[in-house]
C-alpha atoms as a PDB file:
ATOM      1  CA  MET A   1       0.000   0.000   0.000  1.00  0.00           C
ATOM      2  CA  THR A   2       2.816   2.289   0.778  1.00  0.00           C
ATOM      3  CA  VAL A   3       4.458   1.650  -2.565  1.00  0.00           C
ATOM      4  CA  ALA A   4       1.181   2.100  -4.406  1.00  0.00           C
ATOM      5  CA  GLY A   5       0.448   5.352  -2.584  1.00  0.00           C
ATOM      6  CA  GLY A   6       3.904   6.657  -3.342  1.00  0.00           C
ATOM      7  CA  SER A   7       3.586   5.744  -6.948  1.00  0.00           C
ATOM      8  CA  TYR A   8       0.262   7.528  -7.189  1.00  0.00           C
ATOM      9  CA  GLY A   9       1.784  10.614  -5.602  1.00  0.00           C
ATOM     10  CA  VAL A  10       4.591  10.639  -8.145  1.00  0.00           C
ATOM     11  CA  VAL A  11       2.180  10.329 -11.033  1.00  0.00           C
ATOM     12  CA  ARG A  12      -0.093  13.013  -9.647  1.00  0.00           C
ATOM     13  CA  GLY A  13       2.884  15.267  -8.958  1.00  0.00           C
ATOM     14  CA  GLY A  14       4.107  14.784 -12.493  1.00  0.00           C
ATOM     15  CA  ARG A  15       0.765  15.759 -13.916  1.00  0.00           C
ATOM     16  CA  ASP A  16       0.601  18.911 -11.723  1.00  0.00           C
ATOM     17  CA  PHE A  17       4.104  19.857 -12.816  1.00  0.00           C
ATOM     18  CA  MET A  18       3.202  19.523 -16.496  1.00  0.00           C
ATOM     19  CA  THR A  19       0.018  21.578 -15.971  1.00  0.00           C
ATOM     20  CA  ALA A  20       1.983  24.339 -14.238  1.00  0.00           C
ATOM     21  CA  MET A  21       4.576  24.376 -17.027  1.00  0.00           C
ATOM     22  CA  ALA A  22       1.839  24.683 -19.645  1.00  0.00           C
ATOM     23  CA  LEU A  23       0.300  27.583 -17.756  1.00  0.00           C
ATOM     24  CA  VAL A  24       3.652  29.372 -17.522  1.00  0.00           C
ATOM     25  CA  CYS A  25       4.124  28.968 -21.289  1.00  0.00           C
ATOM     26  CA  CYS A  26       0.710  30.506 -21.851  1.00  0.00           C
ATOM     27  CA  LEU A  27       1.585  33.421 -19.611  1.00  0.00           C
ATOM     28  CA  PHE A  28       4.554  34.365 -21.777  1.00  0.00           C
ATOM     29  CA  LEU A  29       2.187  34.611 -24.733  1.00  0.00           C
ATOM     30  CA  LEU A  30      -0.023  37.174 -22.950  1.00  0.00           C
ATOM     31  CA  PRO A  31       0.501  40.775 -24.101  1.00  0.00           C
ATOM     32  CA  GLY A  32       2.070  43.156 -21.578  1.00  0.00           C
ATOM     33  CA  CYS A  33       3.055  42.985 -17.937  1.00  0.00           C
ATOM     34  CA  ALA A  34      -0.376  44.023 -16.685  1.00  0.00           C
ATOM     35  CA  ALA A  35      -1.900  40.760 -17.846  1.00  0.00           C
ATOM     36  CA  MET A  36       0.889  38.775 -16.211  1.00  0.00           C
ATOM     37  CA  ASP A  37       0.483  40.721 -12.965  1.00  0.00           C
ATOM     38  CA  GLY A  38      -3.212  39.981 -13.007  1.00  0.00           C
ATOM     39  CA  VAL A  39      -2.720  36.285 -13.479  1.00  0.00           C
ATOM     40  CA  PHE A  40       0.029  36.072 -10.871  1.00  0.00           C
ATOM     41  CA  SER A  41      -2.220  37.969  -8.499  1.00  0.00           C
ATOM     42  CA  PHE A  42      -4.981  35.474  -9.215  1.00  0.00           C
ATOM     43  CA  LEU A  43      -2.595  32.634  -8.443  1.00  0.00           C
ATOM     44  CA  GLY A  44      -1.414  34.334  -5.250  1.00  0.00           C
ATOM     45  CA  VAL A  45       2.129  34.652  -6.609  1.00  0.00           C
ATOM     46  CA  GLY A  46       3.982  37.981  -6.944  1.00  0.00           C
ATOM     47  CA  GLY A  47       2.088  40.944  -8.394  1.00  0.00           C
ATOM     48  CA  GLY A  48       1.495  44.398  -6.941  1.00  0.00           C
ATOM     49  CA  SER A  49      -1.113  45.699  -4.514  1.00  0.00           C
ATOM     50  CA  SER A  50      -4.641  46.388  -5.730  1.00  0.00           C
ATOM     51  CA  LYS A  51      -5.294  49.913  -6.931  1.00  0.00           C
ATOM     52  CA  ALA A  52      -8.480  49.901  -4.862  1.00  0.00           C
ATOM     53  CA  ASP A  53      -6.259  49.455  -1.814  1.00  0.00           C
ATOM     54  CA  SER A  54      -3.907  52.356  -2.521  1.00  0.00           C
ATOM     55  CA  PRO A  55      -4.000  55.590  -0.489  1.00  0.00           C
ATOM     56  CA  ASP A  56      -4.956  57.513  -3.650  1.00  0.00           C
ATOM     57  CA  SER A  57      -8.039  55.448  -4.367  1.00  0.00           C
ATOM     58  CA  MET A  58      -8.977  55.203  -0.691  1.00  0.00           C
ATOM     59  CA  ALA A  59      -8.810  58.987  -0.374  1.00  0.00           C
ATOM     60  CA  MET A  60     -10.995  59.417  -3.460  1.00  0.00           C
ATOM     61  CA  MET A  61     -13.576  56.961  -2.121  1.00  0.00           C
ATOM     62  CA  ALA A  62     -13.527  58.637   1.297  1.00  0.00           C
ATOM     63  CA  ILE A  63     -14.054  62.102  -0.173  1.00  0.00           C
ATOM     64  CA  ASP A  64     -16.867  60.748  -2.324  1.00  0.00           C
ATOM     65  CA  ASP A  65     -18.550  59.246   0.746  1.00  0.00           C
ATOM     66  CA  PHE A  66     -18.021  62.488   2.654  1.00  0.00           C
ATOM     67  CA  ASN A  67     -19.559  64.619  -0.098  1.00  0.00           C
ATOM     68  CA  ARG A  68     -22.598  62.325  -0.144  1.00  0.00           C
ATOM     69  CA  GLY A  69     -23.030  62.732   3.610  1.00  0.00           C
ATOM     70  CA  GLU A  70     -21.983  59.163   4.375  1.00  0.00           C
ATOM     71  CA  TYR A  71     -19.734  60.282   7.197  1.00  0.00           C
ATOM     72  CA  SER A  72     -19.411  56.938   8.991  1.00  0.00           C
ATOM     73  CA  ASP A  73     -18.144  55.221   5.841  1.00  0.00           C
ATOM     74  CA  ALA A  74     -15.833  58.127   5.065  1.00  0.00           C
ATOM     75  CA  LEU A  75     -14.461  58.093   8.611  1.00  0.00           C
ATOM     76  CA  LYS A  76     -13.553  54.414   8.360  1.00  0.00           C
ATOM     77  CA  LEU A  77     -11.573  55.063   5.187  1.00  0.00           C
ATOM     78  CA  PHE A  78      -9.823  58.150   6.569  1.00  0.00           C
ATOM     79  CA  ASP A  79      -8.871  56.267   9.741  1.00  0.00           C
ATOM     80  CA  ASP A  80      -7.593  53.402   7.591  1.00  0.00           C
ATOM     81  CA  ILE A  81      -5.410  55.795   5.590  1.00  0.00           C
ATOM     82  CA  LYS A  82      -3.933  57.256   8.781  1.00  0.00           C
ATOM     83  CA  GLU A  83      -3.178  53.822  10.189  1.00  0.00           C
ATOM     84  CA  ARG A  84      -1.858  52.091   7.081  1.00  0.00           C
ATOM     85  CA  PHE A  85      -0.231  54.974   5.215  1.00  0.00           C
ATOM     86  CA  PRO A  86       0.971  57.448   7.875  1.00  0.00           C
ATOM     87  CA  PHE A  87       3.642  58.880   5.562  1.00  0.00           C
ATOM     88  CA  SER A  88       1.362  59.221   2.554  1.00  0.00           C
ATOM     89  CA  PRO A  89       0.571  62.730   1.263  1.00  0.00           C
ATOM     90  CA  HIS A  90      -3.061  61.830   1.994  1.00  0.00           C
ATOM     91  CA  SER A  91      -2.430  61.258   5.696  1.00  0.00           C
ATOM     92  CA  MET A  92      -2.725  64.958   6.531  1.00  0.00           C
ATOM     93  CA  LEU A  93      -5.986  65.176   4.596  1.00  0.00           C
ATOM     94  CA  ALA A  94      -7.234  62.125   6.483  1.00  0.00           C
ATOM     95  CA  GLU A  95      -6.402  63.799   9.807  1.00  0.00           C
ATOM     96  CA  LEU A  96      -8.492  66.838   8.981  1.00  0.00           C
ATOM     97  CA  LYS A  97     -11.389  65.020   7.372  1.00  0.00           C
ATOM     98  CA  SER A  98     -11.596  62.535  10.252  1.00  0.00           C
ATOM     99  CA  ALA A  99     -12.269  65.519  12.496  1.00  0.00           C
ATOM    100  CA  ASP A 100     -14.879  66.809  10.043  1.00  0.00           C
ATOM    101  CA  CYS A 101     -16.589  63.412   9.925  1.00  0.00           C
ATOM    102  CA  ASN A 102     -16.862  63.324  13.702  1.00  0.00           C
ATOM    103  CA  TYR A 103     -18.208  66.866  13.700  1.00  0.00           C
ATOM    104  CA  TYR A 104     -20.968  66.045  11.218  1.00  0.00           C
ATOM    105  CA  LEU A 105     -21.725  62.842  13.122  1.00  0.00           C
ATOM    106  CA  LYS A 106     -22.274  65.124  16.158  1.00  0.00           C
ATOM    107  CA  LYS A 107     -19.429  63.487  18.036  1.00  0.00           C
ATOM    108  CA  TYR A 108     -18.190  66.867  19.168  1.00  0.00           C
ATOM    109  CA  PRO A 109     -15.680  65.883  21.900  1.00  0.00           C
ATOM    110  CA  GLU A 110     -13.999  63.504  19.433  1.00  0.00           C
ATOM    111  CA  ALA A 111     -13.982  66.220  16.766  1.00  0.00           C
ATOM    112  CA  ILE A 112     -12.393  68.722  19.156  1.00  0.00           C
ATOM    113  CA  ALA A 113      -9.623  66.276  20.052  1.00  0.00           C
ATOM    114  CA  LEU A 114      -8.884  65.607  16.375  1.00  0.00           C
ATOM    115  CA  TYR A 115      -8.946  69.290  15.385  1.00  0.00           C
ATOM    116  CA  GLN A 116      -6.612  70.107  18.264  1.00  0.00           C
ATOM    117  CA  GLY A 117      -4.353  67.248  17.229  1.00  0.00           C
ATOM    118  CA  PHE A 118      -4.200  68.614  13.689  1.00  0.00           C
ATOM    119  CA  GLU A 119      -3.395  72.089  15.038  1.00  0.00           C
ATOM    120  CA  GLY A 120      -0.571  70.641  17.149  1.00  0.00           C
ATOM    121  CA  ASN A 121       0.833  68.519  14.326  1.00  0.00           C
ATOM    122  CA  HIS A 122       0.586  71.150  11.587  1.00  0.00           C
ATOM    123  CA  PRO A 123       0.620  74.609  13.227  1.00  0.00           C
ATOM    124  CA  THR A 124       1.554  76.453  10.016  1.00  0.00           C
ATOM    125  CA  ASN A 125      -0.848  74.650   7.695  1.00  0.00           C
ATOM    126  CA  GLU A 126      -3.148  76.875   5.645  1.00  0.00           C
ATOM    127  CA  ALA A 127      -6.179  75.055   7.083  1.00  0.00           C
ATOM    128  CA  ILE A 128      -5.507  76.273  10.646  1.00  0.00           C
ATOM    129  CA  PRO A 129      -7.990  79.220  10.470  1.00  0.00           C
ATOM    130  CA  TYR A 130     -10.685  76.712   9.546  1.00  0.00           C
ATOM    131  CA  VAL A 131      -9.525  74.251  12.220  1.00  0.00           C
ATOM    132  CA  LEU A 132      -9.717  76.886  14.968  1.00  0.00           C
ATOM    133  CA  PHE A 133     -13.159  77.932  13.757  1.00  0.00           C
ATOM    134  CA  GLN A 134     -14.329  74.319  13.828  1.00  0.00           C
ATOM    135  CA  ILE A 135     -13.076  73.892  17.386  1.00  0.00           C
ATOM    136  CA  GLY A 136     -15.285  76.831  18.331  1.00  0.00           C
ATOM    137  CA  MET A 137     -18.187  75.338  16.400  1.00  0.00           C
ATOM    138  CA  SER A 138     -17.754  71.975  18.124  1.00  0.00           C
ATOM    139  CA  TYR A 139     -18.169  73.671  21.500  1.00  0.00           C
ATOM    140  CA  TYR A 140     -20.941  75.911  20.190  1.00  0.00           C
ATOM    141  CA  MET A 141     -23.020  72.958  18.980  1.00  0.00           C
ATOM    142  CA  GLN A 142     -22.989  71.532  22.510  1.00  0.00           C
ATOM    143  CA  ILE A 143     -24.651  74.592  24.043  1.00  0.00           C
ATOM    144  CA  ASP A 144     -27.899  73.573  25.705  1.00  0.00           C
ATOM    145  CA  THR A 145     -30.676  75.752  27.174  1.00  0.00           C
ATOM    146  CA  ILE A 146     -29.920  78.532  29.666  1.00  0.00           C
ATOM    147  CA  ASP A 147     -31.166  76.467  32.597  1.00  0.00           C
ATOM    148  CA  ARG A 148     -28.351  73.941  32.004  1.00  0.00           C
ATOM    149  CA  ASP A 149     -24.571  73.986  32.443  1.00  0.00           C
ATOM    150  CA  PRO A 150     -23.205  76.953  30.427  1.00  0.00           C
ATOM    151  CA  GLY A 151     -19.679  75.522  30.149  1.00  0.00           C
ATOM    152  CA  ALA A 152     -19.917  74.823  26.418  1.00  0.00           C
ATOM    153  CA  ALA A 153     -20.792  78.470  25.760  1.00  0.00           C
ATOM    154  CA  THR A 154     -17.744  79.637  27.741  1.00  0.00           C
ATOM    155  CA  ASP A 155     -15.481  77.268  25.795  1.00  0.00           C
ATOM    156  CA  ALA A 156     -16.993  78.341  22.466  1.00  0.00           C
ATOM    157  CA  ILE A 157     -16.364  82.008  23.238  1.00  0.00           C
ATOM    158  CA  ALA A 158     -12.724  81.319  24.132  1.00  0.00           C
ATOM    159  CA  ALA A 159     -12.224  79.277  20.949  1.00  0.00           C
ATOM    160  CA  PHE A 160     -13.793  81.894  18.668  1.00  0.00           C
ATOM    161  CA  GLU A 161     -11.769  84.666  20.314  1.00  0.00           C
ATOM    162  CA  LYS A 162      -8.589  82.659  19.749  1.00  0.00           C
ATOM    163  CA  GLN A 163      -9.484  82.203  16.084  1.00  0.00           C
ATOM    164  CA  MET A 164     -10.253  85.878  15.541  1.00  0.00           C
ATOM    165  CA  LYS A 165      -7.123  87.043  17.337  1.00  0.00           C
ATOM    166  CA  ALA A 166      -4.855  84.691  15.397  1.00  0.00           C
ATOM    167  CA  PHE A 167      -6.506  85.318  12.014  1.00  0.00           C
ATOM    168  CA  PRO A 168      -8.350  88.647  12.079  1.00  0.00           C
ATOM    169  CA  ASP A 169      -8.766  88.718   8.296  1.00  0.00           C
ATOM    170  CA  SER A 170      -9.906  85.131   7.779  1.00  0.00           C
ATOM    171  CA  PRO A 171     -13.177  84.465   5.936  1.00  0.00           C
ATOM    172  CA  TYR A 172     -14.515  82.877   9.134  1.00  0.00           C
ATOM    173  CA  ARG A 173     -14.242  86.041  11.228  1.00  0.00           C
ATOM    174  CA  ALA A 174     -17.757  87.405  10.692  1.00  0.00           C
ATOM    175  CA  GLU A 175     -19.454  84.153  11.593  1.00  0.00           C
ATOM    176  CA  ALA A 176     -17.054  83.452  14.449  1.00  0.00           C
ATOM    177  CA  ASP A 177     -17.814  86.870  15.914  1.00  0.00           C
ATOM    178  CA  GLY A 178     -21.570  86.490  15.454  1.00  0.00           C
ATOM    179  CA  ARG A 179     -21.567  83.109  17.169  1.00  0.00           C
ATOM    180  CA  ARG A 180     -19.292  84.433  19.925  1.00  0.00           C
ATOM    181  CA  MET A 181     -21.765  87.210  20.585  1.00  0.00           C
ATOM    182  CA  ALA A 182     -24.675  84.779  20.571  1.00  0.00           C
ATOM    183  CA  ALA A 183     -22.824  82.701  23.178  1.00  0.00           C
ATOM    184  CA  LEU A 184     -22.177  85.836  25.262  1.00  0.00           C
ATOM    185  CA  ASN A 185     -25.895  86.618  25.163  1.00  0.00           C
ATOM    186  CA  PHE A 186     -26.569  83.034  26.185  1.00  0.00           C
ATOM    187  CA  LEU A 187     -24.334  83.441  29.248  1.00  0.00           C
ATOM    188  CA  ALA A 188     -25.999  86.742  30.128  1.00  0.00           C
ATOM    189  CA  ASN A 189     -29.417  85.116  29.818  1.00  0.00           C
ATOM    190  CA  HIS A 190     -28.223  82.281  32.025  1.00  0.00           C
ATOM    191  CA  GLU A 191     -27.198  84.717  34.770  1.00  0.00           C
ATOM    192  CA  PHE A 192     -30.471  86.609  34.386  1.00  0.00           C
ATOM    193  CA  TYR A 193     -32.410  83.333  34.622  1.00  0.00           C
ATOM    194  CA  VAL A 194     -30.635  82.487  37.896  1.00  0.00           C
ATOM    195  CA  ALA A 195     -31.470  85.972  39.194  1.00  0.00           C
ATOM    196  CA  MET A 196     -35.134  85.381  38.362  1.00  0.00           C
ATOM    197  CA  PHE A 197     -35.002  82.098  40.277  1.00  0.00           C
ATOM    198  CA  TYR A 198     -33.896  83.971  43.380  1.00  0.00           C
ATOM    199  CA  ILE A 199     -36.646  86.556  42.845  1.00  0.00           C
ATOM    200  CA  ARG A 200     -39.275  83.828  42.548  1.00  0.00           C
ATOM    201  CA  THR A 201     -38.041  82.314  45.838  1.00  0.00           C
ATOM    202  CA  ASN A 202     -37.967  85.787  47.427  1.00  0.00           C
ATOM    203  CA  GLU A 203     -34.184  85.747  47.897  1.00  0.00           C
ATOM    204  CA  LEU A 204     -33.605  89.276  46.647  1.00  0.00           C
ATOM    205  CA  GLU A 205     -30.198  89.567  48.349  1.00  0.00           C
ATOM    206  CA  GLN A 206     -29.024  86.759  46.027  1.00  0.00           C
ATOM    207  CA  ALA A 207     -30.686  88.210  42.936  1.00  0.00           C
ATOM    208  CA  GLU A 208     -29.077  91.663  43.111  1.00  0.00           C
ATOM    209  CA  PRO A 209     -25.439  90.513  42.695  1.00  0.00           C
ATOM    210  CA  ARG A 210     -26.454  88.366  39.726  1.00  0.00           C
ATOM    211  CA  LEU A 211     -28.099  91.303  37.998  1.00  0.00           C
ATOM    212  CA  ARG A 212     -25.116  93.555  38.707  1.00  0.00           C
ATOM    213  CA  TYR A 213     -22.862  90.848  37.267  1.00  0.00           C
ATOM    214  CA  VAL A 214     -24.895  90.857  34.063  1.00  0.00           C
ATOM    215  CA  LEU A 215     -24.522  94.629  33.753  1.00  0.00           C
ATOM    216  CA  ASP A 216     -20.798  94.620  34.551  1.00  0.00           C
ATOM    217  CA  THR A 217     -19.816  91.596  32.446  1.00  0.00           C
ATOM    218  CA  TYR A 218     -22.290  91.655  29.539  1.00  0.00           C
ATOM    219  CA  PRO A 219     -23.210  95.336  29.041  1.00  0.00           C
ATOM    220  CA  PHE A 220     -23.734  94.951  25.271  1.00  0.00           C
ATOM    221  CA  THR A 221     -26.086  91.971  25.468  1.00  0.00           C
ATOM    222  CA  THR A 222     -29.786  92.089  24.663  1.00  0.00           C
ATOM    223  CA  ILE A 223     -30.781  91.222  28.239  1.00  0.00           C
ATOM    224  CA  ALA A 224     -28.742  94.063  29.811  1.00  0.00           C
ATOM    225  CA  LYS A 225     -31.581  96.594  29.650  1.00  0.00           C
ATOM    226  CA  ASP A 226     -33.946  94.157  31.343  1.00  0.00           C
ATOM    227  CA  ALA A 227     -31.355  93.492  34.041  1.00  0.00           C
ATOM    228  CA  GLU A 228     -30.928  97.236  34.633  1.00  0.00           C
ATOM    229  CA  ARG A 229     -34.688  97.795  34.861  1.00  0.00           C
ATOM    230  CA  LEU A 230     -35.222  94.821  37.158  1.00  0.00           C
ATOM    231  CA  LEU A 231     -32.376  95.843  39.448  1.00  0.00           C
ATOM    232  CA  ALA A 232     -33.895  99.317  39.741  1.00  0.00           C
ATOM    233  CA  ASP A 233     -37.284  97.821  40.652  1.00  0.00           C
ATOM    234  CA  ILE A 234     -35.704  95.653  43.348  1.00  0.00           C
ATOM    235  CA  LYS A 235     -33.878  98.631  44.860  1.00  0.00           C
ATOM    236  CA  ALA A 236     -37.123 100.586  44.797  1.00  0.00           C
ATOM    237  CA  GLY A 237     -38.824  97.806  46.753  1.00  0.00           C
ATOM    238  CA  ASN A 238     -40.969  96.793  43.791  1.00  0.00           C
ATOM    239  CA  PRO A 239     -39.732  93.387  42.569  1.00  0.00           C
ATOM    240  CA  PRO A 240     -41.920  91.477  40.080  1.00  0.00           C
ATOM    241  CA  LYS A 241     -44.460  89.208  41.709  1.00  0.00           C
ATOM    242  CA  ARG A 242     -47.422  87.976  39.730  1.00  0.00           C
ATOM    243  CA  THR A 243     -45.875  89.052  36.442  1.00  0.00           C
ATOM    244  CA  TRP A 244     -42.422  87.527  37.061  1.00  0.00           C
ATOM    245  CA  LYS A 245     -42.914  85.097  34.156  1.00  0.00           C
ATOM    246  CA  ASP A 246     -42.753  88.059  31.773  1.00  0.00           C
ATOM    247  CA  TRP A 247     -39.114  88.520  32.765  1.00  0.00           C
ATOM    248  CA  ILE A 248     -37.950  84.998  31.892  1.00  0.00           C
ATOM    249  CA  PRO A 249     -35.665  85.191  28.843  1.00  0.00           C
ATOM    250  CA  ASP A 250     -35.767  82.790  25.932  1.00  0.00           C
ATOM    251  CA  LEU A 251     -34.190  79.517  27.021  1.00  0.00           C
ATOM    252  CA  ALA A 252     -32.653  78.797  23.603  1.00  0.00           C
ATOM    253  CA  LEU A 253     -29.383  80.006  22.149  1.00  0.00           C
ATOM    254  CA  PRO A 254     -30.068  83.186  20.143  1.00  0.00           C
ATOM    255  CA  ASP A 255     -29.553  83.253  16.389  1.00  0.00           C
ATOM    256  CA  TRP A 256     -25.989  84.393  15.706  1.00  0.00           C
ATOM    257  CA  ARG A 257     -27.101  86.157  12.511  1.00  0.00           C
ATOM    258  CA  THR A 258     -28.743  88.889  14.580  1.00  0.00           C
ATOM    259  CA  PHE A 259     -25.322  90.032  15.789  1.00  0.00           C
ATOM    260  CA  SER A 260     -23.792  91.598  12.722  1.00  0.00           C
ATOM    261  CA  THR A 261     -22.105  94.873  13.715  1.00  0.00           C
ATOM    262  CA  MET A 262     -18.950  95.635  15.647  1.00  0.00           C
ATOM    263  CA  SER A 263     -18.400  98.286  18.298  1.00  0.00           C
ATOM    264  CA  PRO A 264     -15.240 100.464  18.097  1.00  0.00           C
ATOM    265  CA  GLY A 265     -13.688  98.413  20.879  1.00  0.00           C
ATOM    266  CA  GLY A 266     -13.957  95.235  18.882  1.00  0.00           C
ATOM    267  CA  VAL A 267     -16.949  93.915  20.815  1.00  0.00           C
ATOM    268  CA  SER A 268     -19.972  92.813  18.875  1.00  0.00           C
ATOM    269  CA  VAL A 269     -23.234  94.564  19.622  1.00  0.00           C
ATOM    270  CA  PRO A 270     -26.719  93.545  18.465  1.00  0.00           C
ATOM    271  CA  ALA A 271     -27.823  94.965  15.152  1.00  0.00           C
ATOM    272  CA  GLU A 272     -30.537  97.623  15.390  1.00  0.00           C
END
């Protein structure tokens, strides 16, 4: 049995060898190297990497997905480029667009980290004005209603101010300033809302400092006149009682487009 099995293996091996030799002869008759590469690739021998797997084609597919709003698919490709081709010319693009994908997926903390990473890695890149603006926007989009934590508004203001100071002539300045002013109004409304809470609970000694803070810190905001009037009423011994609801400001973030002019001191003021 052993001899028979060995004999069969020799015969079978001889046939495989002849088949392989015939295939090789056919390959030399194929026109051009591309055909040979394709066949060798099919056989799992030699050949180059697939064009669909190159950083060029991956970047094109990722941008196509991004432009169609398929941000999750685009993000996977951009992350793949960064991991597999870190020294490719497309790696920098992938860094930036990964941040954009996270932003449009409303993953704002992740977007902020990626934008800040890009700023740290490429501080002189021409995209930095946009990157700084997007950091501000990522904070801005996390602003909730005035009865919630105002921390995102504070961070957005700081980010927009950094962008405007670093790039005063950038095309993002007008919007950055409008959104900064909207966030300032949000903070003023938050302080005013807290003051109204103290008035409703008849804690006027707590309400007065809040109203003074609004006037001292946010004198150009839309709520400042209401704060001044309310503070005067409290000092006159006439705080709002039954009509206190009329003093509650809008809980939502104001529309940044309403803040379009600049004061001489560089501070935005509401448009008339």
